[in-house]
Structures are given as structure tokens and as C-alpha cells.
Amino acid sequence: MPEKDKRIDAYISKAAPFAQPILTRLRKLIHKGCPEVQETIKWGMPSFDYKGPFFSIAAFKEHCACGFWKSALIEDDYGYLKPVSNQGGEAMGNFGRIASLKDLPPDNVILDYIRQAKQLNDDGVKMPARKTTKRKTLHAPDYMLTAIGKNKKAWTTFEHFSPTNKRDYIEWITEAKIEATRDKRLKQAIEWMAEGKPRNWKYMPAYR
């Protein structure tokens, strides 16, 4: 019998009722397709390792998401795999937003993906190196700093943010096309920062 991590049992039991059967189904299929997989928790999410990072699942308020570590290298003859991205304000995985079991591909398709991912790790195939480009330093405009400065808690959070967290807020606010939208986003940003939250907190397990 595969060894189960009790932390994942707890994660599933605490998930919303709609999410529990989805997470349970994916977990079962991972063990079926790769019996040697090892369960763990990474970044607050159930993760499955096999000769390195392999697969992960997560539950949010209204949907679940999952992803293969090397999804870009998996042959997709079925058309179910999507690039992993959180662009556009949604936490997305390889199967998109999963709100019910009906949103999952058929079991045989998922098992094919799992076995391909296993073979990639068996063969020691590496992901292509990412091309990195140096990003220009992005400074918050004066109107943004002035508004944040009026809220002590928000200012403290902003000051202690990482450069990435600061950039997320700055880009979100300054990219607004009209002033009314900009002001609305700034007001929301200050509210979230006063609570110690980064821009994309809704999609981070620690803030669920």
C-alpha cells in the first residue's frame, strides 16, 4: 500500500464539500499511475514527488487546480492540458478551473499524463532553462505613496513587501486606463495591505 501523508488527509477534509471528491480522485489516480510517488506538502498544497517534483493539487473557495511539474514536456493527444498560469486574476492549473468531477478529463487520459510524467523523471529529462530578462525597477507614483501613507498598517505592509509584491500592486494600479478604475484599485489595495495581504492573496493557500 502506498504511504499516505496525514497532512494531505487533513487538507482534503478541511476543503469545501465540492472540492473533496475532486482532490480524492486526483490523489487516487496519481498513486495508480505512479505507485512509487511520495506525498508531501509544499507551499501549503498537497504535492507528489517522484525522483523530483512531479504533481500538485490545491483547493480554493470555488474551484480546484492541479499541475504537472513538467507539463510542457507531456505529449497531449487529447487536448486537455492547459499552460499553468495565474494571469488574468485566476489561479489556473493544467486542467483549468475544476469545480466538479465533470470538469476533469477521463481517468484514462489523466493516467496517460501521469505515466508520461513518470517516464520523464525516470529518464532524467530536465525542463528547458528559462530565459531571464532583467526587469526595470518600478517605482510607485507619488499619488499612490501619499494614499498608502495615510494608513499606518498599509504603509508598514508596503514597506516590508518584497520587490515582487510591491510591483504587483504598482502595476495593477498604474495600468488602470481610467482614473475611476485607478482610484477604485488604490482603495482596494490599501484595504488589503492594511490586512497584510499581497495583491494575489486570493490564490495563495496561506490566505484561503
Protein backbone atom coordinates (compact mmCIF):
# COMPACT_ATOMS: atom_id res chain seq x y z
CA MET A 1 0.00 0.00 0.00
CA PRO A 2 1.31 3.50 -0.81
CA GLU A 3 2.29 5.59 2.19
CA LYS A 4 -0.13 8.46 2.75
CA ASP A 5 0.72 11.80 4.31
CA LYS A 6 -1.73 12.63 7.08
CA ARG A 7 -1.35 16.32 6.31
CA ILE A 8 -2.96 15.70 2.93
CA ASP A 9 -5.78 13.78 4.63
CA ALA A 10 -6.33 16.86 6.81
CA TYR A 11 -6.12 19.23 3.82
CA ILE A 12 -8.81 17.31 1.94
CA SER A 13 -11.08 17.01 4.97
CA LYS A 14 -10.91 20.78 5.52
CA ALA A 15 -11.60 21.61 1.87
CA ALA A 16 -15.05 22.69 0.72
CA PRO A 17 -17.50 19.81 0.10
CA PHE A 18 -17.37 20.27 -3.69
CA ALA A 19 -13.56 20.00 -3.62
CA GLN A 20 -13.16 16.83 -1.58
CA PRO A 21 -14.17 14.30 -4.27
CA ILE A 22 -12.02 16.13 -6.84
CA LEU A 23 -8.91 16.06 -4.66
CA THR A 24 -9.59 12.46 -3.66
CA ARG A 25 -9.97 11.37 -7.30
CA LEU A 26 -6.73 13.06 -8.38
CA ARG A 27 -4.84 11.64 -5.41
CA LYS A 28 -6.08 8.13 -6.20
CA LEU A 29 -5.09 8.42 -9.86
CA ILE A 30 -1.61 9.70 -9.00
CA HIS A 31 -0.98 6.62 -6.87
CA LYS A 32 -2.41 4.35 -9.54
CA GLY A 33 -0.30 5.83 -12.32
CA CYS A 34 2.85 6.13 -10.22
CA PRO A 35 2.75 3.74 -7.23
CA GLU A 36 6.17 4.89 -6.02
CA VAL A 37 5.06 8.51 -5.61
CA GLN A 38 5.78 10.21 -2.28
CA GLU A 39 3.26 12.54 -0.70
CA THR A 40 4.21 15.81 0.97
CA ILE A 41 3.07 19.39 1.47
CA LYS A 42 4.81 22.20 -0.42
CA TRP A 43 3.79 25.85 -0.49
CA GLY A 44 0.78 24.85 1.61
CA MET A 45 -0.52 22.47 -1.07
CA PRO A 46 -0.60 18.67 -1.41
CA SER A 47 2.34 17.71 -3.58
CA PHE A 48 3.55 14.43 -5.01
CA ASP A 49 7.23 13.72 -5.69
CA TYR A 50 8.81 11.01 -7.78
CA LYS A 51 12.51 11.36 -8.45
CA GLY A 52 11.94 15.06 -8.07
CA PRO A 53 8.91 17.38 -8.27
CA PHE A 54 6.02 15.68 -10.01
CA PHE A 55 2.44 16.87 -9.40
CA SER A 56 0.41 19.11 -7.08
CA ILE A 57 -3.23 19.78 -6.25
CA ALA A 58 -4.99 22.65 -4.50
CA ALA A 59 -8.47 23.70 -3.41
CA PHE A 60 -9.77 27.26 -3.42
CA LYS A 61 -13.12 28.76 -2.46
CA GLU A 62 -14.91 27.90 -5.68
CA HIS A 63 -12.61 25.65 -7.66
CA CYS A 64 -9.68 23.27 -7.57
CA ALA A 65 -6.47 23.34 -9.58
CA CYS A 66 -3.70 20.87 -10.31
CA GLY A 67 -0.47 20.83 -12.24
CA PHE A 68 2.29 18.61 -13.55
CA TRP A 69 5.79 19.91 -12.87
CA LYS A 70 6.85 19.09 -16.44
CA SER A 71 3.52 19.64 -18.18
CA ALA A 72 5.23 21.48 -21.06
CA LEU A 73 7.02 18.23 -21.98
CA ILE A 74 3.97 15.95 -21.87
CA GLU A 75 2.54 14.84 -25.22
CA ASP A 76 -1.10 15.91 -25.27
CA ASP A 77 -3.04 13.97 -27.89
CA TYR A 78 -6.32 14.70 -26.12
CA GLY A 79 -6.32 18.49 -25.89
CA TYR A 80 -6.99 18.74 -22.16
CA LEU A 81 -3.71 20.19 -20.93
CA LYS A 82 -3.53 23.94 -20.41
CA PRO A 83 -0.42 26.01 -19.62
CA VAL A 84 -0.17 26.72 -15.90
CA SER A 85 -0.80 30.41 -15.30
CA ASN A 86 -2.36 32.79 -12.84
CA GLN A 87 -2.71 35.60 -15.31
CA GLY A 88 -5.99 37.44 -15.51
CA GLY A 89 -6.74 37.09 -11.82
CA GLU A 90 -7.41 33.38 -11.75
CA ALA A 91 -5.43 30.55 -10.22
CA MET A 92 -5.26 28.07 -13.05
CA GLY A 93 -3.79 24.60 -13.39
CA ASN A 94 -3.24 22.14 -16.22
CA PHE A 95 -6.95 21.26 -16.28
CA GLY A 96 -8.21 24.82 -15.80
CA ARG A 97 -10.78 25.62 -13.13
CA ILE A 98 -12.14 22.38 -11.69
CA ALA A 99 -15.47 22.95 -9.92
CA SER A 100 -16.79 19.38 -10.11
CA LEU A 101 -15.73 15.90 -11.16
CA LYS A 102 -17.28 16.61 -14.57
CA ASP A 103 -14.54 19.19 -15.21
CA LEU A 104 -11.81 16.54 -15.01
CA PRO A 105 -10.59 14.69 -18.10
CA PRO A 106 -11.46 10.96 -18.24
CA ASP A 107 -9.42 8.79 -15.86
CA ASN A 108 -7.57 7.06 -18.70
CA VAL A 109 -6.42 10.43 -20.05
CA ILE A 110 -5.17 11.59 -16.64
CA LEU A 111 -3.38 8.26 -16.17
CA ASP A 112 -1.65 8.69 -19.52
CA TYR A 113 -0.39 12.11 -18.48
CA ILE A 114 0.78 10.71 -15.13
CA ARG A 115 2.68 7.85 -16.77
CA GLN A 116 4.30 10.24 -19.22
CA ALA A 117 5.37 12.48 -16.35
CA LYS A 118 6.76 9.45 -14.53
CA GLN A 119 8.75 8.43 -17.61
CA LEU A 120 10.19 11.93 -17.93
CA ASN A 121 11.52 11.70 -14.37
CA ASP A 122 12.72 8.13 -14.91
CA ASP A 123 14.71 9.34 -17.91
CA GLY A 124 16.04 12.36 -16.04
CA VAL A 125 14.63 14.79 -18.59
CA LYS A 126 15.16 18.37 -17.49
CA MET A 127 12.92 21.33 -18.16
CA PRO A 128 14.44 23.81 -20.62
CA ALA A 129 16.22 26.66 -18.90
CA ARG A 130 14.11 29.77 -18.68
CA LYS A 131 15.30 32.87 -20.42
CA THR A 132 15.54 35.58 -17.82
CA THR A 133 15.38 39.24 -18.57
CA LYS A 134 16.28 41.89 -16.08
CA ARG A 135 13.20 43.86 -15.17
CA LYS A 136 13.46 47.58 -14.75
CA THR A 137 12.90 48.93 -11.27
CA LEU A 138 9.31 50.09 -10.98
CA HIS A 139 8.65 53.00 -8.64
CA ALA A 140 5.30 53.79 -7.08
CA PRO A 141 3.92 57.16 -8.21
CA ASP A 142 3.57 59.95 -5.64
CA TYR A 143 -0.24 59.76 -5.53
CA MET A 144 -0.02 56.08 -4.62
CA LEU A 145 2.58 56.59 -1.89
CA THR A 146 0.61 59.50 -0.44
CA ALA A 147 -2.60 57.46 -0.27
CA ILE A 148 -0.89 54.44 1.29
CA GLY A 149 0.92 56.68 3.77
CA LYS A 150 -2.39 57.80 5.23
CA ASN A 151 -2.98 54.26 6.50
CA LYS A 152 -0.32 53.22 9.00
CA LYS A 153 -0.93 49.47 8.71
CA ALA A 154 -0.97 49.55 4.92
CA TRP A 155 2.23 51.59 4.84
CA THR A 156 4.02 49.18 7.17
CA THR A 157 3.00 46.26 4.97
CA PHE A 158 4.06 48.04 1.79
CA GLU A 159 7.44 48.99 3.26
CA HIS A 160 8.18 45.39 4.19
CA PHE A 161 6.94 43.87 0.95
CA SER A 162 9.35 42.09 -1.37
CA PRO A 163 10.09 43.88 -4.68
CA THR A 164 7.75 41.42 -6.42
CA ASN A 165 4.84 42.14 -4.10
CA LYS A 166 5.36 45.88 -4.50
CA ARG A 167 5.49 45.54 -8.28
CA ASP A 168 2.24 43.54 -8.32
CA TYR A 169 0.38 46.40 -6.67
CA ILE A 170 2.12 49.18 -8.60
CA GLU A 171 1.40 47.55 -11.97
CA TRP A 172 -2.22 46.81 -11.06
CA ILE A 173 -2.89 50.40 -10.05
CA THR A 174 -0.90 52.27 -12.69
CA GLU A 175 -2.16 50.15 -15.59
CA ALA A 176 -5.77 51.26 -14.99
CA LYS A 177 -6.98 53.01 -18.15
CA ILE A 178 -9.32 55.47 -16.45
CA GLU A 179 -8.98 57.47 -13.25
CA ALA A 180 -12.09 55.98 -11.62
CA THR A 181 -10.70 52.46 -12.03
CA ARG A 182 -7.32 53.56 -10.73
CA ASP A 183 -8.89 55.11 -7.63
CA LYS A 184 -11.00 52.02 -7.00
CA ARG A 185 -7.97 49.74 -7.26
CA LEU A 186 -5.92 52.00 -5.00
CA LYS A 187 -8.64 51.96 -2.36
CA GLN A 188 -8.84 48.16 -2.55
CA ALA A 189 -5.06 47.83 -2.44
CA ILE A 190 -4.85 49.91 0.73
CA GLU A 191 -7.56 47.79 2.35
CA TRP A 192 -5.72 44.57 1.50
CA MET A 193 -2.33 45.90 2.56
CA ALA A 194 -3.80 47.05 5.87
CA GLU A 195 -4.65 43.37 6.38
CA GLY A 196 -1.11 42.34 5.44
CA LYS A 197 -2.15 40.82 2.12
CA PRO A 198 -0.22 40.75 -1.18
CA ARG A 199 -2.01 41.60 -4.43
CA ASN A 200 -2.76 37.96 -5.37
CA TRP A 201 -3.60 36.75 -1.86
CA LYS A 202 -6.85 35.11 -3.04
CA TYR A 203 -4.86 32.50 -4.95
CA MET A 204 -2.35 31.70 -2.21
CA PRO A 205 -3.15 28.72 0.05
CA ALA A 206 -1.86 30.60 3.12
CA TYR A 207 -4.69 33.13 2.73
CA ARG A 208 -7.54 30.76 1.85
